[in-house]
N, C-alpha and C. Protein backbone atom coordinates (compact mmCIF):
# COMPACT_ATOMS: atom_id res chain seq x y z
N UNK A 1 -120.16 -96.43 -111.88
CA UNK A 1 -120.92 -95.65 -111.00
C UNK A 1 -119.60 -95.67 -109.93
N UNK A 2 -119.37 -94.34 -109.41
CA UNK A 2 -118.31 -94.17 -108.52
C UNK A 2 -118.57 -94.60 -107.13
N UNK A 3 -117.50 -95.27 -106.57
CA UNK A 3 -117.85 -95.55 -105.20
C UNK A 3 -117.67 -94.29 -104.24
N UNK A 4 -118.06 -94.36 -103.11
CA UNK A 4 -117.91 -93.35 -102.17
C UNK A 4 -116.35 -92.76 -101.95
N UNK A 5 -115.69 -93.70 -101.93
CA UNK A 5 -114.06 -93.10 -101.49
C UNK A 5 -113.60 -92.57 -102.91
N UNK A 6 -114.02 -92.90 -104.08
CA UNK A 6 -113.81 -92.34 -105.05
C UNK A 6 -114.31 -90.83 -105.46
N UNK A 7 -115.47 -90.68 -104.85
CA UNK A 7 -116.12 -89.33 -104.84
C UNK A 7 -115.46 -88.59 -103.93
N UNK A 8 -114.96 -89.05 -102.81
CA UNK A 8 -114.68 -88.13 -101.73
C UNK A 8 -113.15 -87.77 -102.34
N UNK A 9 -112.30 -88.71 -102.82
CA UNK A 9 -110.87 -88.42 -103.28
C UNK A 9 -110.83 -87.30 -104.56
N UNK A 10 -111.87 -87.73 -105.59
CA UNK A 10 -111.74 -86.72 -106.70
C UNK A 10 -112.37 -85.58 -106.62
N UNK A 11 -111.71 -84.54 -106.44
CA UNK A 11 -112.46 -83.20 -106.20
C UNK A 11 -111.75 -81.96 -106.87
N UNK A 12 -112.19 -81.05 -107.17
CA UNK A 12 -111.35 -79.77 -107.65
C UNK A 12 -110.82 -79.34 -106.51
N UNK A 13 -109.85 -78.63 -106.55
CA UNK A 13 -108.94 -78.18 -105.43
C UNK A 13 -108.42 -76.54 -105.68
N UNK A 14 -108.12 -75.79 -104.69
CA UNK A 14 -107.51 -74.68 -105.11
C UNK A 14 -106.01 -74.77 -104.78
N UNK A 15 -105.03 -74.80 -105.61
CA UNK A 15 -103.78 -74.82 -105.69
C UNK A 15 -103.22 -73.65 -105.50
N UNK A 16 -101.92 -73.50 -104.83
CA UNK A 16 -101.04 -72.53 -104.69
C UNK A 16 -99.70 -72.69 -105.30
N UNK A 17 -98.89 -71.42 -105.62
CA UNK A 17 -97.66 -71.60 -106.19
C UNK A 17 -96.97 -70.22 -105.52
N UNK A 18 -95.45 -70.77 -105.28
CA UNK A 18 -94.69 -69.70 -104.69
C UNK A 18 -93.17 -70.25 -104.75
N UNK A 19 -92.39 -69.21 -105.11
CA UNK A 19 -90.97 -69.70 -105.30
C UNK A 19 -90.31 -69.60 -103.73
N UNK A 20 -89.39 -70.55 -103.63
CA UNK A 20 -88.92 -70.69 -102.06
C UNK A 20 -87.84 -69.65 -101.83
N UNK A 21 -88.20 -68.14 -101.98
CA UNK A 21 -87.29 -67.26 -101.47
C UNK A 21 -88.12 -66.06 -100.74
N UNK A 22 -87.44 -65.26 -100.01
CA UNK A 22 -88.15 -64.14 -99.16
C UNK A 22 -88.62 -63.18 -100.40
N UNK A 23 -90.14 -62.78 -100.14
CA UNK A 23 -90.45 -61.89 -100.91
C UNK A 23 -91.17 -62.53 -102.30
N UNK A 24 -91.40 -63.55 -102.28
CA UNK A 24 -91.80 -64.22 -103.70
C UNK A 24 -93.38 -64.18 -103.44
N UNK A 25 -93.88 -63.69 -104.51
CA UNK A 25 -95.44 -63.63 -104.57
C UNK A 25 -95.97 -65.00 -104.52
N UNK A 26 -97.28 -65.22 -103.95
CA UNK A 26 -98.10 -66.37 -104.00
C UNK A 26 -99.15 -66.12 -105.19
N UNK A 27 -99.59 -67.33 -105.74
CA UNK A 27 -100.67 -67.42 -106.85
C UNK A 27 -101.41 -68.36 -106.58
N UNK A 28 -102.78 -68.07 -106.46
CA UNK A 28 -103.79 -69.39 -106.03
C UNK A 28 -104.44 -69.43 -107.53
N UNK A 29 -104.81 -70.65 -107.85
CA UNK A 29 -105.27 -71.09 -108.78
C UNK A 29 -106.22 -72.45 -108.89
N UNK A 30 -107.03 -72.54 -110.02
CA UNK A 30 -108.01 -74.13 -109.70
C UNK A 30 -107.34 -74.95 -110.24
N UNK A 31 -107.48 -76.06 -109.59
CA UNK A 31 -106.73 -77.21 -110.29
C UNK A 31 -107.35 -78.63 -109.74
N UNK A 32 -106.93 -79.81 -109.73
CA UNK A 32 -107.74 -80.91 -109.10
C UNK A 32 -106.76 -81.78 -108.24
N UNK A 33 -107.42 -82.49 -107.35
CA UNK A 33 -106.52 -83.45 -106.41
C UNK A 33 -107.24 -84.90 -106.84
N UNK A 34 -106.61 -85.83 -107.42
CA UNK A 34 -106.79 -87.19 -107.81
C UNK A 34 -107.89 -87.08 -108.70
N UNK A 35 -107.64 -86.36 -110.03
CA UNK A 35 -108.64 -86.46 -111.11
C UNK A 35 -108.99 -87.60 -111.56
N UNK A 36 -110.18 -87.72 -112.03
CA UNK A 36 -110.51 -89.01 -112.72
C UNK A 36 -110.22 -88.93 -114.38
N UNK A 37 -110.34 -90.01 -115.15
CA UNK A 37 -109.98 -89.55 -116.54
C UNK A 37 -110.79 -88.63 -117.25
N UNK A 38 -111.88 -88.63 -116.80
CA UNK A 38 -113.10 -87.58 -117.44
C UNK A 38 -112.58 -86.30 -117.24
N UNK A 39 -112.20 -86.08 -115.71
CA UNK A 39 -112.05 -84.87 -115.36
C UNK A 39 -110.62 -84.21 -116.16
N UNK A 40 -109.79 -85.23 -116.38
CA UNK A 40 -108.69 -84.83 -117.21
C UNK A 40 -108.76 -84.30 -118.44
N UNK A 41 -109.85 -84.99 -119.49
CA UNK A 41 -109.92 -84.47 -120.55
C UNK A 41 -110.91 -83.24 -120.71
N UNK A 42 -111.64 -83.34 -119.82
CA UNK A 42 -112.32 -82.04 -119.57
C UNK A 42 -111.54 -80.96 -119.44
N UNK A 43 -110.78 -80.90 -118.36
CA UNK A 43 -109.85 -79.88 -118.15
C UNK A 43 -108.81 -79.38 -119.23
N UNK A 44 -108.43 -80.52 -119.99
CA UNK A 44 -107.78 -80.43 -121.36
C UNK A 44 -108.11 -79.60 -122.31
N UNK A 45 -109.82 -79.88 -122.34
CA UNK A 45 -110.46 -79.02 -123.29
C UNK A 45 -110.62 -77.86 -122.94
N UNK A 46 -110.41 -77.46 -121.76
CA UNK A 46 -110.73 -75.95 -121.14
C UNK A 46 -109.50 -75.28 -120.79
N UNK A 47 -108.23 -75.78 -120.93
CA UNK A 47 -106.83 -75.07 -120.59
C UNK A 47 -106.65 -74.36 -121.77
N UNK A 48 -105.58 -73.09 -121.40
CA UNK A 48 -105.28 -72.36 -122.41
C UNK A 48 -104.37 -72.96 -123.38
N UNK A 49 -103.36 -73.78 -122.99
CA UNK A 49 -102.37 -74.18 -124.05
C UNK A 49 -102.61 -75.85 -124.06
N UNK A 50 -103.67 -76.17 -123.80
CA UNK A 50 -103.87 -77.57 -124.07
C UNK A 50 -102.95 -78.63 -123.50
N UNK A 51 -102.39 -78.30 -122.27
CA UNK A 51 -101.50 -79.10 -121.69
C UNK A 51 -101.83 -79.03 -120.04
N UNK A 52 -101.67 -80.13 -119.25
CA UNK A 52 -101.68 -80.13 -117.76
C UNK A 52 -100.78 -80.75 -117.36
N UNK A 53 -100.21 -79.91 -116.03
CA UNK A 53 -98.95 -80.46 -115.15
C UNK A 53 -99.57 -81.16 -113.86
N UNK A 54 -98.80 -82.00 -113.71
CA UNK A 54 -99.16 -82.64 -112.28
C UNK A 54 -98.00 -83.27 -111.40
N UNK A 55 -98.01 -83.33 -110.26
CA UNK A 55 -97.15 -83.83 -109.11
C UNK A 55 -97.99 -85.15 -108.48
N UNK A 56 -97.11 -85.88 -108.32
CA UNK A 56 -97.62 -87.06 -107.51
C UNK A 56 -96.58 -87.31 -106.25
N UNK A 57 -97.14 -87.70 -105.17
CA UNK A 57 -96.30 -87.44 -103.99
C UNK A 57 -96.15 -89.34 -103.76
N UNK A 58 -95.43 -89.70 -102.53
CA UNK A 58 -94.96 -91.07 -102.58
C UNK A 58 -96.22 -92.04 -102.15
N UNK A 59 -97.50 -91.45 -101.73
CA UNK A 59 -98.46 -92.17 -101.36
C UNK A 59 -99.53 -92.22 -102.74
N UNK A 60 -99.17 -91.63 -103.85
CA UNK A 60 -100.08 -91.97 -104.73
C UNK A 60 -101.04 -90.41 -104.87
N UNK A 61 -100.93 -89.45 -104.19
CA UNK A 61 -101.65 -88.59 -104.07
C UNK A 61 -101.34 -87.32 -105.18
N UNK A 62 -102.37 -86.98 -106.11
CA UNK A 62 -101.91 -86.20 -107.35
C UNK A 62 -102.51 -85.01 -107.17
N UNK A 63 -101.69 -83.80 -107.54
CA UNK A 63 -102.46 -82.53 -107.90
C UNK A 63 -102.12 -82.23 -109.43
N UNK A 64 -103.05 -81.75 -110.07
CA UNK A 64 -103.10 -81.57 -111.47
C UNK A 64 -103.68 -80.23 -111.82
N UNK A 65 -102.96 -79.17 -112.68
CA UNK A 65 -103.49 -77.94 -112.97
C UNK A 65 -103.18 -77.73 -114.38
N UNK A 66 -103.45 -76.53 -114.82
CA UNK A 66 -103.21 -76.12 -116.30
C UNK A 66 -101.91 -75.47 -116.45
N UNK A 67 -101.08 -75.93 -117.39
CA UNK A 67 -99.71 -75.67 -117.21
C UNK A 67 -99.44 -74.02 -117.49
N UNK A 68 -100.26 -73.29 -117.94
CA UNK A 68 -100.44 -71.94 -118.22
C UNK A 68 -100.33 -71.28 -116.72
N UNK A 69 -100.76 -72.00 -115.68
CA UNK A 69 -100.93 -71.22 -114.24
C UNK A 69 -99.46 -71.43 -113.33
N UNK A 70 -98.64 -72.32 -113.76
CA UNK A 70 -97.56 -72.49 -112.81
C UNK A 70 -96.65 -73.71 -113.35
N UNK A 71 -95.51 -73.60 -112.97
CA UNK A 71 -94.48 -74.85 -113.09
C UNK A 71 -94.43 -76.00 -111.87
N UNK A 72 -93.89 -76.90 -112.01
CA UNK A 72 -93.88 -78.02 -110.79
C UNK A 72 -93.24 -77.40 -109.46
N UNK A 73 -91.97 -76.95 -109.38
CA UNK A 73 -91.23 -76.74 -108.13
C UNK A 73 -91.99 -75.66 -107.23
N UNK A 74 -92.57 -74.55 -107.43
CA UNK A 74 -93.49 -73.68 -106.67
C UNK A 74 -94.57 -74.28 -106.24
N UNK A 75 -95.38 -75.10 -107.03
CA UNK A 75 -96.58 -75.61 -106.49
C UNK A 75 -96.10 -76.72 -105.37
N UNK A 76 -95.27 -77.45 -105.59
CA UNK A 76 -94.82 -78.34 -104.67
C UNK A 76 -94.45 -77.59 -103.35
N UNK A 77 -93.49 -76.28 -103.65
CA UNK A 77 -93.51 -75.57 -102.28
C UNK A 77 -94.52 -75.02 -101.66
N UNK A 78 -95.43 -74.44 -102.44
CA UNK A 78 -96.61 -73.66 -101.71
C UNK A 78 -97.63 -74.94 -101.30
N UNK A 79 -97.68 -75.86 -101.81
CA UNK A 79 -98.75 -76.98 -100.96
C UNK A 79 -98.15 -77.53 -100.15
N UNK A 80 -96.89 -77.95 -99.97
CA UNK A 80 -96.11 -78.80 -98.92
C UNK A 80 -95.36 -78.06 -97.91
N UNK A 81 -94.82 -76.79 -98.32
CA UNK A 81 -93.84 -76.03 -97.50
C UNK A 81 -92.52 -76.56 -97.54
N UNK A 82 -92.28 -77.48 -98.51
CA UNK A 82 -90.84 -78.02 -98.62
C UNK A 82 -90.33 -77.97 -99.97
N UNK A 83 -89.01 -77.61 -100.13
CA UNK A 83 -88.45 -77.42 -101.48
C UNK A 83 -88.41 -78.83 -102.22
N UNK A 84 -88.65 -78.87 -103.18
CA UNK A 84 -88.48 -80.12 -104.54
C UNK A 84 -87.06 -80.54 -104.28
N UNK A 85 -86.72 -81.76 -103.81
CA UNK A 85 -85.46 -82.32 -103.66
C UNK A 85 -85.74 -83.73 -104.70
N UNK A 86 -86.54 -84.04 -105.44
CA UNK A 86 -86.60 -85.14 -106.36
C UNK A 86 -87.29 -86.29 -105.65
N UNK A 87 -88.34 -85.77 -104.69
CA UNK A 87 -89.23 -86.77 -103.84
C UNK A 87 -90.84 -86.58 -104.40
N UNK A 88 -90.80 -86.14 -105.61
CA UNK A 88 -92.25 -85.95 -106.10
C UNK A 88 -92.08 -86.53 -107.61
N UNK A 89 -92.97 -87.22 -108.27
CA UNK A 89 -93.33 -87.37 -109.60
C UNK A 89 -93.72 -86.22 -110.05
N UNK A 90 -93.13 -85.60 -111.34
CA UNK A 90 -93.53 -84.61 -112.17
C UNK A 90 -93.96 -85.18 -113.59
N UNK A 91 -94.88 -84.38 -114.23
CA UNK A 91 -95.18 -84.71 -115.55
C UNK A 91 -96.31 -83.77 -116.07
N UNK A 92 -96.51 -83.97 -117.15
CA UNK A 92 -97.68 -83.50 -117.92
C UNK A 92 -98.27 -84.30 -118.96
N UNK A 93 -99.56 -83.81 -119.21
CA UNK A 93 -100.75 -84.71 -120.02
C UNK A 93 -101.33 -83.73 -120.95
N UNK A 94 -101.14 -84.06 -122.16
CA UNK A 94 -101.77 -83.46 -123.40
C UNK A 94 -102.45 -84.41 -124.53
N UNK A 95 -102.91 -83.80 -125.22
CA UNK A 95 -103.50 -84.55 -126.39
C UNK A 95 -102.56 -84.94 -127.44
N UNK A 96 -102.52 -86.05 -128.24
CA UNK A 96 -101.59 -86.50 -129.09
C UNK A 96 -102.50 -87.14 -130.21
N UNK A 97 -102.27 -86.43 -131.44
CA UNK A 97 -103.12 -86.99 -132.62
C UNK A 97 -101.95 -87.52 -133.64
N UNK A 98 -102.14 -88.80 -133.81
CA UNK A 98 -100.76 -89.48 -134.86
C UNK A 98 -101.09 -89.08 -136.29
N UNK A 99 -102.35 -88.62 -136.45
CA UNK A 99 -102.90 -88.58 -137.80
C UNK A 99 -102.55 -87.20 -138.42
N UNK A 100 -102.55 -85.94 -137.29
CA UNK A 100 -102.20 -84.77 -137.65
C UNK A 100 -100.92 -84.34 -138.26
N UNK A 101 -101.25 -83.27 -139.18
CA UNK A 101 -99.92 -82.74 -139.45
C UNK A 101 -98.86 -82.13 -138.43
N UNK A 102 -97.46 -81.95 -138.53
CA UNK A 102 -96.89 -81.57 -137.55
C UNK A 102 -96.78 -79.92 -137.70
N UNK A 103 -97.39 -79.56 -136.55
CA UNK A 103 -97.45 -77.93 -136.45
C UNK A 103 -96.98 -77.46 -135.12
N UNK A 104 -96.90 -76.36 -135.05
CA UNK A 104 -96.41 -75.81 -133.78
C UNK A 104 -97.74 -75.54 -132.69
N UNK A 105 -98.71 -75.73 -133.16
CA UNK A 105 -99.75 -75.74 -132.15
C UNK A 105 -100.33 -77.15 -131.62
N UNK A 106 -100.61 -77.16 -130.50
CA UNK A 106 -101.07 -78.22 -129.77
C UNK A 106 -102.14 -79.11 -130.24
N UNK A 107 -102.18 -80.24 -130.40
CA UNK A 107 -103.40 -80.98 -130.59
C UNK A 107 -104.70 -80.53 -129.77
N UNK A 108 -105.80 -80.32 -130.53
CA UNK A 108 -106.89 -80.02 -129.68
C UNK A 108 -107.84 -81.24 -129.34
N UNK A 109 -107.56 -82.48 -129.92
CA UNK A 109 -108.34 -83.70 -129.62
C UNK A 109 -107.26 -84.80 -129.79
N UNK A 110 -107.72 -85.97 -129.42
CA UNK A 110 -107.00 -87.06 -129.88
C UNK A 110 -106.82 -87.99 -128.61
N UNK A 111 -105.79 -88.84 -128.76
CA UNK A 111 -105.39 -89.81 -127.65
C UNK A 111 -104.92 -89.03 -126.60
N UNK A 112 -104.80 -89.52 -125.41
CA UNK A 112 -103.95 -89.04 -124.25
C UNK A 112 -102.54 -89.36 -124.39
N UNK A 113 -101.57 -88.37 -124.12
CA UNK A 113 -100.05 -88.51 -124.01
C UNK A 113 -99.69 -88.17 -122.64
N UNK A 114 -99.15 -88.97 -121.94
CA UNK A 114 -98.55 -88.76 -120.66
C UNK A 114 -97.24 -88.86 -120.58
N UNK A 115 -96.43 -88.03 -119.97
CA UNK A 115 -94.95 -87.69 -120.09
C UNK A 115 -94.69 -87.45 -118.44
N UNK A 116 -93.88 -88.63 -118.15
CA UNK A 116 -93.32 -88.37 -116.68
C UNK A 116 -91.91 -87.87 -116.93
N UNK A 117 -91.45 -86.96 -116.08
CA UNK A 117 -90.31 -86.10 -116.19
C UNK A 117 -88.99 -86.35 -115.51
N UNK A 118 -89.21 -87.03 -114.29
CA UNK A 118 -88.08 -87.35 -113.34
C UNK A 118 -87.99 -88.83 -113.15
N UNK A 119 -87.83 -89.49 -114.11
CA UNK A 119 -87.60 -91.09 -114.11
C UNK A 119 -86.50 -91.46 -113.57
N UNK A 120 -85.32 -90.91 -113.62
CA UNK A 120 -84.32 -91.54 -112.73
C UNK A 120 -84.56 -91.28 -111.38
N UNK A 121 -85.09 -90.71 -110.67
CA UNK A 121 -85.35 -90.73 -109.38
C UNK A 121 -86.53 -91.23 -108.84
N UNK A 122 -87.72 -91.02 -108.86
CA UNK A 122 -88.84 -91.70 -108.12
C UNK A 122 -90.05 -91.45 -109.22
N UNK A 123 -89.63 -90.90 -110.47
CA UNK A 123 -90.98 -90.51 -111.22
C UNK A 123 -92.24 -91.96 -111.55
N UNK A 124 -91.74 -92.53 -112.37
CA UNK A 124 -92.76 -93.64 -112.71
C UNK A 124 -93.07 -94.35 -111.56
N UNK A 125 -92.29 -94.72 -110.36
CA UNK A 125 -92.68 -95.55 -109.46
C UNK A 125 -93.83 -94.70 -108.63
N UNK A 126 -93.60 -93.49 -108.51
CA UNK A 126 -94.74 -92.70 -107.58
C UNK A 126 -95.85 -92.40 -108.70
N UNK A 127 -95.92 -92.25 -109.86
CA UNK A 127 -96.78 -91.99 -110.80
C UNK A 127 -97.83 -93.10 -110.81
N UNK A 128 -97.22 -94.52 -110.78
CA UNK A 128 -98.11 -95.67 -110.96
C UNK A 128 -98.82 -96.01 -109.42
N UNK A 129 -98.39 -95.08 -108.48
CA UNK A 129 -99.11 -95.32 -107.20
C UNK A 129 -100.49 -94.70 -107.29
N UNK A 130 -100.67 -93.78 -108.31
CA UNK A 130 -101.93 -93.00 -108.26
C UNK A 130 -102.85 -93.77 -109.20
N UNK A 131 -103.98 -93.98 -108.77
CA UNK A 131 -105.05 -95.00 -109.39
C UNK A 131 -105.49 -94.40 -110.69
N UNK A 132 -105.54 -93.01 -111.14
CA UNK A 132 -105.90 -92.68 -112.48
C UNK A 132 -104.78 -93.06 -113.34
N UNK A 133 -103.50 -92.47 -113.09
CA UNK A 133 -102.30 -92.74 -114.06
C UNK A 133 -102.14 -94.50 -113.99
N UNK A 134 -102.40 -95.14 -113.08
CA UNK A 134 -102.30 -96.51 -113.27
C UNK A 134 -103.14 -97.12 -114.28
N UNK A 135 -104.29 -96.68 -114.14
CA UNK A 135 -105.51 -97.12 -115.40
C UNK A 135 -105.15 -96.67 -116.81
N UNK A 136 -104.48 -95.36 -116.63
CA UNK A 136 -104.23 -94.98 -117.99
C UNK A 136 -102.86 -95.87 -118.53
N UNK A 137 -102.05 -95.97 -117.61
CA UNK A 137 -100.84 -96.74 -117.91
C UNK A 137 -101.27 -98.31 -118.62
N UNK A 138 -102.28 -98.75 -118.51
CA UNK A 138 -102.88 -100.31 -118.54
C UNK A 138 -103.04 -100.00 -119.96
N UNK A 139 -103.45 -98.86 -120.55
CA UNK A 139 -104.15 -98.87 -121.92
C UNK A 139 -102.87 -98.29 -122.91
N UNK A 140 -101.50 -98.79 -122.46
CA UNK A 140 -100.57 -98.37 -123.44
C UNK A 140 -100.72 -99.12 -124.73
N UNK A 141 -100.96 -100.38 -124.70
CA UNK A 141 -100.97 -101.18 -125.58
C UNK A 141 -102.34 -101.17 -126.36
N UNK A 142 -103.34 -100.70 -125.98
CA UNK A 142 -104.72 -100.73 -126.57
C UNK A 142 -104.58 -100.18 -128.10
N UNK A 143 -105.93 -100.27 -128.58
CA UNK A 143 -105.87 -100.02 -130.06
C UNK A 143 -106.39 -98.70 -130.35
N UNK A 144 -106.40 -97.86 -131.43
CA UNK A 144 -107.02 -96.84 -131.90
C UNK A 144 -107.37 -95.82 -130.54
N UNK A 145 -108.79 -95.35 -130.50
CA UNK A 145 -109.08 -94.27 -129.65
C UNK A 145 -108.65 -94.54 -128.29
N UNK A 146 -108.56 -95.65 -127.73
CA UNK A 146 -108.28 -96.05 -126.24
C UNK A 146 -106.99 -96.06 -126.01
N UNK A 147 -106.06 -96.07 -126.96
CA UNK A 147 -104.47 -95.95 -126.62
C UNK A 147 -104.23 -94.67 -125.84
N UNK A 148 -103.19 -95.01 -124.94
CA UNK A 148 -102.55 -93.87 -124.27
C UNK A 148 -101.21 -93.85 -124.69
N UNK A 149 -100.61 -92.76 -125.04
CA UNK A 149 -98.97 -92.91 -125.43
C UNK A 149 -98.46 -92.28 -124.11
N UNK A 150 -97.40 -92.95 -123.57
CA UNK A 150 -96.68 -92.69 -122.43
C UNK A 150 -95.23 -92.76 -122.61
N UNK A 151 -94.61 -91.51 -122.02
CA UNK A 151 -93.31 -91.51 -122.13
C UNK A 151 -92.45 -91.31 -120.81
N UNK A 152 -91.40 -91.59 -120.84
CA UNK A 152 -90.74 -91.31 -119.57
C UNK A 152 -89.34 -90.63 -119.93
N UNK A 153 -89.00 -89.42 -119.45
CA UNK A 153 -87.96 -88.57 -119.97
C UNK A 153 -87.27 -88.20 -118.54
């Protein structure tokens, strides 16, 4: 059962994206603020290209959205008003099926694969401040269906 704090912090959010130059168009789309693992898998099943992007700030607050909607830097600029200078953890989540044949199509189901993109700056440190990503990271050495694949690039 969720605690009241979890219920308050895990919620759908309206996210925006815009490039930081004059005349850039704003786009609004649906995303998540501090999603739980169940919300992540549900969103992955509903996403267009079976991949979700996320950013995590220094306090562990995470925004997650469908990769088809936007890239990282415009979302950071639109949500905070600041240009990205390496002060957010960026990454993406997708399904990974180790038994499937290698094709160009993304996996439709399987284990979760978390990829942190800016590990030279603050990537992994900020990502592990988020409660959901910390719980996923604890399952790196699990067996079979519960295993989470984690990579830092």
